[in-house]
Amino acid sequence: MGRSRTVKQADALPPWREVTPDDFLRETYKATLAAEKHLIRARENGQLRLRLILREAKDLKYGAFRDPLWPYDYKYGTHHMLRDVDEVVIETRDGRRHLVERLRATQASPLAAQARP
C-alpha cells in the first residue's frame, strides 16, 4: 500500500524539460530575457521542471583560465537561468553529466559540480 502512494506522488510531478543555452539565447538581451522568462513562468505554473544543460563542447566560454566544472565559465544567458531552474547540469566532452550544487540561503559551501550517479 505504501508503494502505490509513492507512485502516485511521482506521477504528480511535472515532466522534466532539458534546455540548453541554444533554446533561449537570442540576438538581443531583451529577446533572451523574454525567452528565459517564458520557460521560468512555465516552471512556476507547474507545467514542467527545468534542467539546464551546459555543454563543455559548445557553451564553455573562450579563455585561458576557464574551468569546465564551474558554471560561471559558460555562456548561459542571464542570472535567472542559473537561479530559477530546478537543476543545472554540466555535460563534459566525454559525455558524463555533473550535477551543479548551487548555493542556497542555508548553504555556506562554494559552487561545485558533482558527478551524477
N, C-alpha and C. Protein backbone atom coordinates (compact mmCIF):
# COMPACT_ATOMS: atom_id res chain seq x y z
N MET A 1 0.81 -1.18 0.00
CA MET A 1 0.00 0.00 0.00
C MET A 1 0.86 1.26 0.00
N GLY A 2 1.97 1.24 0.74
CA GLY A 2 2.87 2.38 0.77
C GLY A 2 3.49 2.64 -0.59
N ARG A 3 3.69 1.57 -1.34
CA ARG A 3 4.29 1.71 -2.66
C ARG A 3 3.37 2.47 -3.62
N SER A 4 2.09 2.21 -3.60
CA SER A 4 1.18 2.90 -4.51
C SER A 4 1.12 4.40 -4.19
N ARG A 5 1.28 4.76 -2.93
CA ARG A 5 1.30 6.17 -2.56
C ARG A 5 2.52 6.85 -3.18
N THR A 6 3.68 6.18 -3.16
CA THR A 6 4.90 6.72 -3.74
C THR A 6 4.74 6.90 -5.25
N VAL A 7 4.13 5.93 -5.90
CA VAL A 7 3.92 6.01 -7.34
C VAL A 7 3.00 7.19 -7.67
N LYS A 8 1.95 7.38 -6.88
CA LYS A 8 1.04 8.49 -7.12
C LYS A 8 1.75 9.83 -6.96
N GLN A 9 2.64 9.93 -5.97
CA GLN A 9 3.38 11.18 -5.78
C GLN A 9 4.31 11.44 -6.95
N ALA A 10 4.96 10.41 -7.45
CA ALA A 10 5.85 10.56 -8.60
C ALA A 10 5.07 10.97 -9.85
N ASP A 11 3.87 10.42 -10.00
CA ASP A 11 3.06 10.77 -11.16
C ASP A 11 2.58 12.22 -11.10
N ALA A 12 2.50 12.79 -9.90
CA ALA A 12 2.00 14.15 -9.74
C ALA A 12 3.04 15.20 -10.14
N LEU A 13 4.31 14.80 -10.19
CA LEU A 13 5.35 15.75 -10.57
C LEU A 13 5.29 16.05 -12.06
N PRO A 14 5.52 17.28 -12.45
CA PRO A 14 5.53 17.60 -13.89
C PRO A 14 6.76 16.98 -14.56
N PRO A 15 6.72 16.81 -15.87
CA PRO A 15 7.84 16.19 -16.59
C PRO A 15 9.05 17.13 -16.62
N TRP A 16 10.23 16.52 -16.77
CA TRP A 16 11.46 17.29 -16.92
C TRP A 16 11.53 17.84 -18.33
N ARG A 17 12.06 19.04 -18.45
CA ARG A 17 12.39 19.59 -19.77
C ARG A 17 13.83 20.01 -19.69
N GLU A 18 14.66 19.38 -20.51
CA GLU A 18 16.07 19.75 -20.56
C GLU A 18 16.23 20.85 -21.59
N VAL A 19 16.89 21.93 -21.17
CA VAL A 19 17.14 23.05 -22.07
C VAL A 19 18.64 23.33 -22.10
N THR A 20 19.09 23.76 -23.24
CA THR A 20 20.48 24.21 -23.40
C THR A 20 20.43 25.70 -23.72
N PRO A 21 21.55 26.39 -23.62
CA PRO A 21 21.54 27.81 -23.98
C PRO A 21 21.03 28.09 -25.39
N ASP A 22 21.14 27.13 -26.31
CA ASP A 22 20.60 27.32 -27.66
C ASP A 22 19.09 27.52 -27.65
N ASP A 23 18.42 27.02 -26.62
CA ASP A 23 16.96 27.11 -26.54
C ASP A 23 16.46 28.50 -26.17
N PHE A 24 17.30 29.33 -25.57
CA PHE A 24 16.80 30.64 -25.11
C PHE A 24 17.71 31.81 -25.43
N LEU A 25 18.96 31.60 -25.82
CA LEU A 25 19.82 32.73 -26.18
C LEU A 25 19.37 33.31 -27.52
N ARG A 26 19.19 34.61 -27.55
CA ARG A 26 18.72 35.30 -28.76
C ARG A 26 19.71 36.41 -29.13
N GLU A 27 19.40 37.13 -30.18
CA GLU A 27 20.27 38.20 -30.67
C GLU A 27 20.37 39.38 -29.71
N THR A 28 19.30 39.69 -29.02
CA THR A 28 19.31 40.85 -28.11
C THR A 28 19.07 40.38 -26.68
N TYR A 29 19.48 41.22 -25.75
CA TYR A 29 19.27 40.94 -24.33
C TYR A 29 17.77 40.83 -24.03
N LYS A 30 17.00 41.73 -24.60
CA LYS A 30 15.55 41.75 -24.35
C LYS A 30 14.88 40.46 -24.83
N ALA A 31 15.27 39.99 -25.99
CA ALA A 31 14.69 38.75 -26.53
C ALA A 31 15.13 37.54 -25.71
N THR A 32 16.38 37.54 -25.28
CA THR A 32 16.88 36.46 -24.43
C THR A 32 16.12 36.42 -23.12
N LEU A 33 15.95 37.57 -22.50
CA LEU A 33 15.24 37.65 -21.23
C LEU A 33 13.79 37.17 -21.38
N ALA A 34 13.13 37.53 -22.47
CA ALA A 34 11.76 37.10 -22.71
C ALA A 34 11.68 35.57 -22.86
N ALA A 35 12.62 34.98 -23.60
CA ALA A 35 12.62 33.52 -23.78
C ALA A 35 12.88 32.81 -22.45
N GLU A 36 13.80 33.34 -21.64
CA GLU A 36 14.08 32.76 -20.33
C GLU A 36 12.86 32.86 -19.41
N LYS A 37 12.25 34.03 -19.39
CA LYS A 37 11.07 34.24 -18.53
C LYS A 37 9.92 33.33 -18.92
N HIS A 38 9.76 33.06 -20.23
CA HIS A 38 8.72 32.15 -20.69
C HIS A 38 8.94 30.75 -20.10
N LEU A 39 10.17 30.26 -20.14
CA LEU A 39 10.48 28.94 -19.58
C LEU A 39 10.29 28.93 -18.07
N ILE A 40 10.75 29.97 -17.41
CA ILE A 40 10.65 30.03 -15.95
C ILE A 40 9.19 30.15 -15.51
N ARG A 41 8.40 30.89 -16.25
CA ARG A 41 6.98 31.03 -15.92
C ARG A 41 6.27 29.68 -16.04
N ALA A 42 6.61 28.90 -17.08
CA ALA A 42 6.01 27.57 -17.24
C ALA A 42 6.40 26.68 -16.06
N ARG A 43 7.63 26.81 -15.59
CA ARG A 43 8.08 26.05 -14.42
C ARG A 43 7.30 26.46 -13.18
N GLU A 44 7.15 27.77 -12.98
CA GLU A 44 6.43 28.27 -11.80
C GLU A 44 4.96 27.89 -11.82
N ASN A 45 4.38 27.73 -13.00
CA ASN A 45 2.98 27.33 -13.13
C ASN A 45 2.79 25.82 -13.00
N GLY A 46 3.88 25.09 -12.78
CA GLY A 46 3.79 23.65 -12.57
C GLY A 46 3.66 22.83 -13.84
N GLN A 47 3.96 23.41 -14.99
CA GLN A 47 3.85 22.69 -16.25
C GLN A 47 5.05 21.80 -16.51
N LEU A 48 6.20 22.14 -15.96
CA LEU A 48 7.42 21.38 -16.21
C LEU A 48 8.44 21.66 -15.12
N ARG A 49 9.45 20.81 -15.09
CA ARG A 49 10.63 21.05 -14.26
C ARG A 49 11.79 21.31 -15.21
N LEU A 50 12.56 22.33 -14.93
CA LEU A 50 13.63 22.74 -15.84
C LEU A 50 14.98 22.19 -15.40
N ARG A 51 15.69 21.61 -16.36
CA ARG A 51 17.06 21.16 -16.14
C ARG A 51 17.92 21.86 -17.21
N LEU A 52 18.79 22.76 -16.76
CA LEU A 52 19.68 23.48 -17.67
C LEU A 52 20.91 22.64 -17.91
N ILE A 53 21.19 22.33 -19.17
CA ILE A 53 22.36 21.54 -19.56
C ILE A 53 23.40 22.49 -20.15
N LEU A 54 24.54 22.61 -19.51
CA LEU A 54 25.66 23.40 -20.01
C LEU A 54 26.66 22.43 -20.62
N ARG A 55 26.92 22.58 -21.92
CA ARG A 55 27.78 21.63 -22.64
C ARG A 55 29.19 22.19 -22.79
N GLU A 56 30.15 21.43 -22.31
CA GLU A 56 31.55 21.89 -22.40
C GLU A 56 31.96 22.10 -23.85
N ALA A 57 31.55 21.23 -24.73
CA ALA A 57 31.97 21.30 -26.13
C ALA A 57 31.39 22.51 -26.86
N LYS A 58 30.26 23.03 -26.40
CA LYS A 58 29.61 24.10 -27.14
C LYS A 58 29.44 25.40 -26.36
N ASP A 59 29.17 25.34 -25.06
CA ASP A 59 28.79 26.52 -24.30
C ASP A 59 29.89 27.12 -23.43
N LEU A 60 31.03 26.43 -23.30
CA LEU A 60 32.12 26.94 -22.46
C LEU A 60 32.72 28.19 -23.10
N LYS A 61 32.91 29.23 -22.29
CA LYS A 61 33.49 30.48 -22.79
C LYS A 61 34.93 30.26 -23.22
N TYR A 62 35.41 31.12 -24.09
CA TYR A 62 36.80 31.07 -24.52
C TYR A 62 37.67 31.78 -23.50
N GLY A 63 38.88 31.29 -23.33
CA GLY A 63 39.80 31.94 -22.42
C GLY A 63 40.78 30.93 -21.83
N ALA A 64 41.86 31.44 -21.32
CA ALA A 64 42.92 30.58 -20.80
C ALA A 64 42.58 29.97 -19.44
N PHE A 65 41.85 30.68 -18.61
CA PHE A 65 41.65 30.23 -17.24
C PHE A 65 40.23 29.76 -16.97
N ARG A 66 39.64 29.04 -17.88
CA ARG A 66 38.27 28.57 -17.68
C ARG A 66 38.29 27.17 -17.07
N ASP A 67 37.29 26.91 -16.27
CA ASP A 67 37.17 25.63 -15.58
C ASP A 67 35.89 24.95 -16.09
N PRO A 68 36.00 23.79 -16.72
CA PRO A 68 34.81 23.15 -17.28
C PRO A 68 33.76 22.73 -16.25
N LEU A 69 34.11 22.67 -14.97
CA LEU A 69 33.14 22.29 -13.94
C LEU A 69 32.64 23.49 -13.14
N TRP A 70 32.94 24.70 -13.60
CA TRP A 70 32.48 25.92 -12.94
C TRP A 70 31.40 26.54 -13.79
N PRO A 71 30.15 26.62 -13.31
CA PRO A 71 29.04 27.06 -14.17
C PRO A 71 29.17 28.48 -14.70
N TYR A 72 29.89 29.35 -14.00
CA TYR A 72 30.01 30.74 -14.45
C TYR A 72 30.99 30.91 -15.60
N ASP A 73 31.69 29.85 -15.98
CA ASP A 73 32.57 29.90 -17.15
C ASP A 73 31.83 29.49 -18.43
N TYR A 74 30.51 29.41 -18.36
CA TYR A 74 29.69 29.05 -19.50
C TYR A 74 28.84 30.22 -19.96
N LYS A 75 28.48 30.20 -21.24
CA LYS A 75 27.51 31.17 -21.77
C LYS A 75 26.14 30.60 -21.46
N TYR A 76 25.42 31.24 -20.56
CA TYR A 76 24.13 30.71 -20.12
C TYR A 76 23.02 31.74 -20.13
N GLY A 77 23.26 32.93 -20.58
CA GLY A 77 22.22 33.96 -20.58
C GLY A 77 22.29 34.78 -19.31
N THR A 78 21.14 35.15 -18.78
CA THR A 78 21.10 35.99 -17.58
C THR A 78 21.15 35.12 -16.32
N HIS A 79 21.29 35.77 -15.19
CA HIS A 79 21.38 35.05 -13.92
C HIS A 79 20.11 34.27 -13.59
N HIS A 80 19.00 34.61 -14.24
CA HIS A 80 17.74 33.92 -13.96
C HIS A 80 17.85 32.43 -14.25
N MET A 81 18.57 32.09 -15.29
CA MET A 81 18.64 30.68 -15.67
C MET A 81 19.41 29.85 -14.64
N LEU A 82 20.45 30.38 -14.05
CA LEU A 82 21.17 29.63 -13.02
C LEU A 82 20.39 29.61 -11.72
N ARG A 83 19.65 30.66 -11.45
CA ARG A 83 18.96 30.79 -10.17
C ARG A 83 17.61 30.08 -10.15
N ASP A 84 16.85 30.15 -11.23
CA ASP A 84 15.45 29.74 -11.19
C ASP A 84 15.13 28.38 -11.79
N VAL A 85 16.11 27.66 -12.30
CA VAL A 85 15.83 26.32 -12.81
C VAL A 85 15.92 25.32 -11.66
N ASP A 86 15.37 24.12 -11.88
CA ASP A 86 15.39 23.10 -10.84
C ASP A 86 16.76 22.44 -10.71
N GLU A 87 17.43 22.21 -11.82
CA GLU A 87 18.77 21.61 -11.80
C GLU A 87 19.64 22.27 -12.86
N VAL A 88 20.92 22.35 -12.54
CA VAL A 88 21.93 22.75 -13.52
C VAL A 88 22.89 21.59 -13.66
N VAL A 89 23.10 21.15 -14.89
CA VAL A 89 23.96 20.00 -15.16
C VAL A 89 25.02 20.43 -16.16
N ILE A 90 26.26 20.03 -15.91
CA ILE A 90 27.35 20.28 -16.86
C ILE A 90 27.66 18.97 -17.56
N GLU A 91 27.62 19.01 -18.88
CA GLU A 91 27.95 17.84 -19.69
C GLU A 91 29.35 18.03 -20.25
N THR A 92 30.29 17.22 -19.79
CA THR A 92 31.68 17.35 -20.23
C THR A 92 31.86 16.68 -21.59
N ARG A 93 33.01 16.91 -22.19
CA ARG A 93 33.28 16.40 -23.55
C ARG A 93 33.19 14.89 -23.65
N ASP A 94 33.46 14.19 -22.55
CA ASP A 94 33.39 12.73 -22.57
C ASP A 94 31.97 12.19 -22.42
N GLY A 95 30.97 13.10 -22.34
CA GLY A 95 29.58 12.69 -22.28
C GLY A 95 29.03 12.52 -20.87
N ARG A 96 29.88 12.59 -19.86
CA ARG A 96 29.40 12.46 -18.49
C ARG A 96 28.70 13.73 -18.05
N ARG A 97 27.72 13.57 -17.19
CA ARG A 97 26.97 14.72 -16.67
C ARG A 97 27.29 14.91 -15.20
N HIS A 98 27.47 16.18 -14.83
CA HIS A 98 27.81 16.55 -13.46
C HIS A 98 26.74 17.51 -12.94
N LEU A 99 26.11 17.14 -11.85
CA LEU A 99 25.09 17.98 -11.24
C LEU A 99 25.78 19.11 -10.49
N VAL A 100 25.39 20.34 -10.75
CA VAL A 100 25.99 21.51 -10.10
C VAL A 100 25.26 21.75 -8.79
N GLU A 101 26.03 21.77 -7.72
CA GLU A 101 25.48 22.09 -6.42
C GLU A 101 25.48 23.61 -6.30
N ARG A 102 24.29 24.18 -6.16
CA ARG A 102 24.18 25.64 -6.14
C ARG A 102 23.99 26.13 -4.71
N LEU A 103 24.42 27.36 -4.47
CA LEU A 103 24.26 27.95 -3.15
C LEU A 103 22.79 28.20 -2.86
N ARG A 104 22.40 27.90 -1.68
CA ARG A 104 21.07 28.22 -1.19
C ARG A 104 21.25 29.14 0.01
N ALA A 105 20.19 29.69 0.50
CA ALA A 105 20.27 30.61 1.64
C ALA A 105 20.87 29.93 2.87
N THR A 106 20.70 28.61 3.00
CA THR A 106 21.20 27.90 4.18
C THR A 106 22.57 27.27 3.96
N GLN A 107 23.09 27.30 2.74
CA GLN A 107 24.37 26.67 2.46
C GLN A 107 25.50 27.68 2.55
N ALA A 108 26.66 27.20 2.95
CA ALA A 108 27.82 28.07 3.02
C ALA A 108 28.96 27.56 2.14
N SER A 109 28.74 26.47 1.43
CA SER A 109 29.81 25.91 0.60
C SER A 109 29.84 26.58 -0.76
N PRO A 110 31.02 26.65 -1.41
CA PRO A 110 31.10 27.25 -2.74
C PRO A 110 30.44 26.35 -3.78
N LEU A 111 30.11 26.93 -4.93
CA LEU A 111 29.55 26.15 -6.02
C LEU A 111 30.54 25.07 -6.43
N ALA A 112 30.03 23.90 -6.70
CA ALA A 112 30.87 22.80 -7.14
C ALA A 112 30.05 21.86 -7.98
N ALA A 113 30.66 21.25 -8.95
CA ALA A 113 29.96 20.27 -9.77
C ALA A 113 30.28 18.90 -9.22
N GLN A 114 29.27 18.07 -9.08
CA GLN A 114 29.42 16.73 -8.55
C GLN A 114 29.05 15.76 -9.66
N ALA A 115 29.78 14.64 -9.75
CA ALA A 115 29.47 13.63 -10.75
C ALA A 115 28.11 13.01 -10.45
N ARG A 116 27.31 12.84 -11.49
CA ARG A 116 25.99 12.21 -11.31
C ARG A 116 26.15 10.70 -11.32
N PRO A 117 25.38 10.01 -10.50
CA PRO A 117 25.49 8.53 -10.49
C PRO A 117 24.94 7.92 -11.75
